[in-house]
């Protein structure tokens, strides 16, 4: 199940890098992906402190898409032009790839991750 969730999250996060996206990506898919990643990281990072580092890019991604961070900018166009939403997507993608690599290495050692 986590592999399917990560595959779906990867598709939803990488799609705007290939195809011009609109508001549904940033206001529907991105938060959904962040929640899914938070659940995966919480499940996966329980064993090791090094795995807990995957919370860092995800936490920055979640914070940069919050309304509080948005309101810190004087104009919404500045928030958009700086690329904060694209930055949040890229940080989430980094979390996905880190989790996938960790899961691959763990499986290669013979341990099951789920």
Protein backbone atom coordinates (compact mmCIF):
# COMPACT_ATOMS: atom_id res chain seq x y z
CA UNK A 1 0.00 0.00 0.00
CA UNK A 2 2.75 2.58 0.74
CA UNK A 3 4.35 1.89 -2.64
CA UNK A 4 1.06 2.62 -4.42
CA UNK A 5 0.51 5.74 -2.34
CA UNK A 6 4.02 6.99 -3.14
CA UNK A 7 3.52 6.26 -6.84
CA UNK A 8 0.30 8.27 -6.87
CA UNK A 9 1.90 11.12 -4.92
CA UNK A 10 4.85 11.15 -7.32
CA UNK A 11 2.54 11.38 -10.30
CA UNK A 12 0.48 14.19 -8.79
CA UNK A 13 3.54 16.18 -7.71
CA UNK A 14 5.53 15.72 -10.94
CA UNK A 15 2.68 16.46 -13.34
CA UNK A 16 2.93 20.28 -12.99
CA UNK A 17 6.61 20.07 -13.88
CA UNK A 18 5.63 18.74 -17.31
CA UNK A 19 2.19 20.25 -17.95
CA UNK A 20 1.13 23.79 -17.00
CA UNK A 21 -1.08 23.45 -13.94
CA UNK A 22 -3.84 25.51 -12.44
CA UNK A 23 -5.31 26.04 -9.00
CA UNK A 24 -6.52 22.42 -8.43
CA UNK A 25 -2.95 21.21 -8.19
CA UNK A 26 -1.89 23.65 -5.52
CA UNK A 27 -5.09 23.77 -3.49
CA UNK A 28 -6.31 20.18 -3.77
CA UNK A 29 -3.56 17.80 -4.88
CA UNK A 30 -0.62 19.36 -3.04
CA UNK A 31 -2.27 19.25 0.41
CA UNK A 32 -3.50 15.71 -0.31
CA UNK A 33 0.04 14.69 -1.23
CA UNK A 34 1.44 16.37 1.88
CA UNK A 35 -0.99 14.50 4.13
CA UNK A 36 -0.24 11.20 2.40
CA UNK A 37 3.49 11.82 2.76
CA UNK A 38 3.08 12.74 6.42
CA UNK A 39 1.32 9.43 7.04
CA UNK A 40 4.04 7.53 5.15
CA UNK A 41 6.85 9.33 6.97
CA UNK A 42 5.16 8.77 10.34
CA UNK A 43 4.88 5.07 9.59
CA UNK A 44 8.33 4.69 8.06
CA UNK A 45 10.41 6.99 10.28
CA UNK A 46 9.49 5.36 13.58
CA UNK A 47 12.53 3.10 13.71
CA UNK A 48 15.57 5.29 13.14
CA UNK A 49 16.59 8.85 13.87
CA UNK A 50 18.12 9.19 10.39
CA UNK A 51 14.75 8.36 8.84
CA UNK A 52 13.18 11.11 10.93
CA UNK A 53 15.13 13.60 8.83
CA UNK A 54 12.50 13.09 6.12
CA UNK A 55 10.19 15.22 8.24
CA UNK A 56 12.37 18.29 7.53
CA UNK A 57 11.65 18.87 3.80
CA UNK A 58 8.04 17.85 4.33
CA UNK A 59 7.61 20.28 7.23
CA UNK A 60 9.11 23.12 5.17
CA UNK A 61 6.80 22.20 2.29
CA UNK A 62 3.75 22.25 4.54
CA UNK A 63 4.78 25.52 6.17
CA UNK A 64 5.44 27.26 2.85
CA UNK A 65 1.92 26.46 1.64
CA UNK A 66 0.21 27.59 4.84
CA UNK A 67 -1.97 30.67 4.95
CA UNK A 68 0.31 32.21 7.57
CA UNK A 69 3.28 32.08 5.24
CA UNK A 70 1.14 33.37 2.38
CA UNK A 71 0.02 36.35 4.48
CA UNK A 72 3.65 37.17 5.31
CA UNK A 73 4.05 38.37 1.72
CA UNK A 74 2.73 41.87 1.00
CA UNK A 75 1.14 40.87 -2.34
CA UNK A 76 -0.13 37.53 -3.58
CA UNK A 77 1.66 38.02 -6.90
CA UNK A 78 4.97 38.22 -5.07
CA UNK A 79 4.23 34.88 -3.35
CA UNK A 80 3.38 33.38 -6.72
CA UNK A 81 6.31 34.94 -8.63
CA UNK A 82 8.84 33.77 -6.06
CA UNK A 83 7.62 30.24 -6.78
CA UNK A 84 6.70 29.18 -3.27
CA UNK A 85 4.16 26.61 -4.44
CA UNK A 86 6.58 25.07 -6.92
CA UNK A 87 9.19 25.03 -4.15
CA UNK A 88 6.74 23.19 -1.88
CA UNK A 89 6.06 20.63 -4.62
CA UNK A 90 9.78 20.05 -5.16
CA UNK A 91 10.37 19.59 -1.43
CA UNK A 92 7.53 17.07 -1.32
CA UNK A 93 9.06 15.26 -4.29
CA UNK A 94 12.40 15.16 -2.47
CA UNK A 95 10.62 13.51 0.46
CA UNK A 96 9.04 10.96 -1.88
CA UNK A 97 12.35 10.05 -3.46
CA UNK A 98 14.06 9.84 -0.08
CA UNK A 99 11.37 7.55 1.28
CA UNK A 100 11.45 5.40 -1.85
CA UNK A 101 15.24 5.08 -1.66
CA UNK A 102 15.09 4.18 2.03
CA UNK A 103 12.40 1.59 1.38
CA UNK A 104 14.38 0.12 -1.51
CA UNK A 105 17.53 -0.18 0.58
CA UNK A 106 15.61 -1.73 3.45
CA UNK A 107 13.95 -4.25 1.14
CA UNK A 108 17.30 -5.04 -0.44
CA UNK A 109 18.65 -5.93 2.98
CA UNK A 110 15.83 -8.42 3.30
CA UNK A 111 13.57 -6.60 5.75
CA UNK A 112 9.94 -5.88 5.02
CA UNK A 113 8.72 -2.33 5.45
CA UNK A 114 5.02 -3.12 5.65
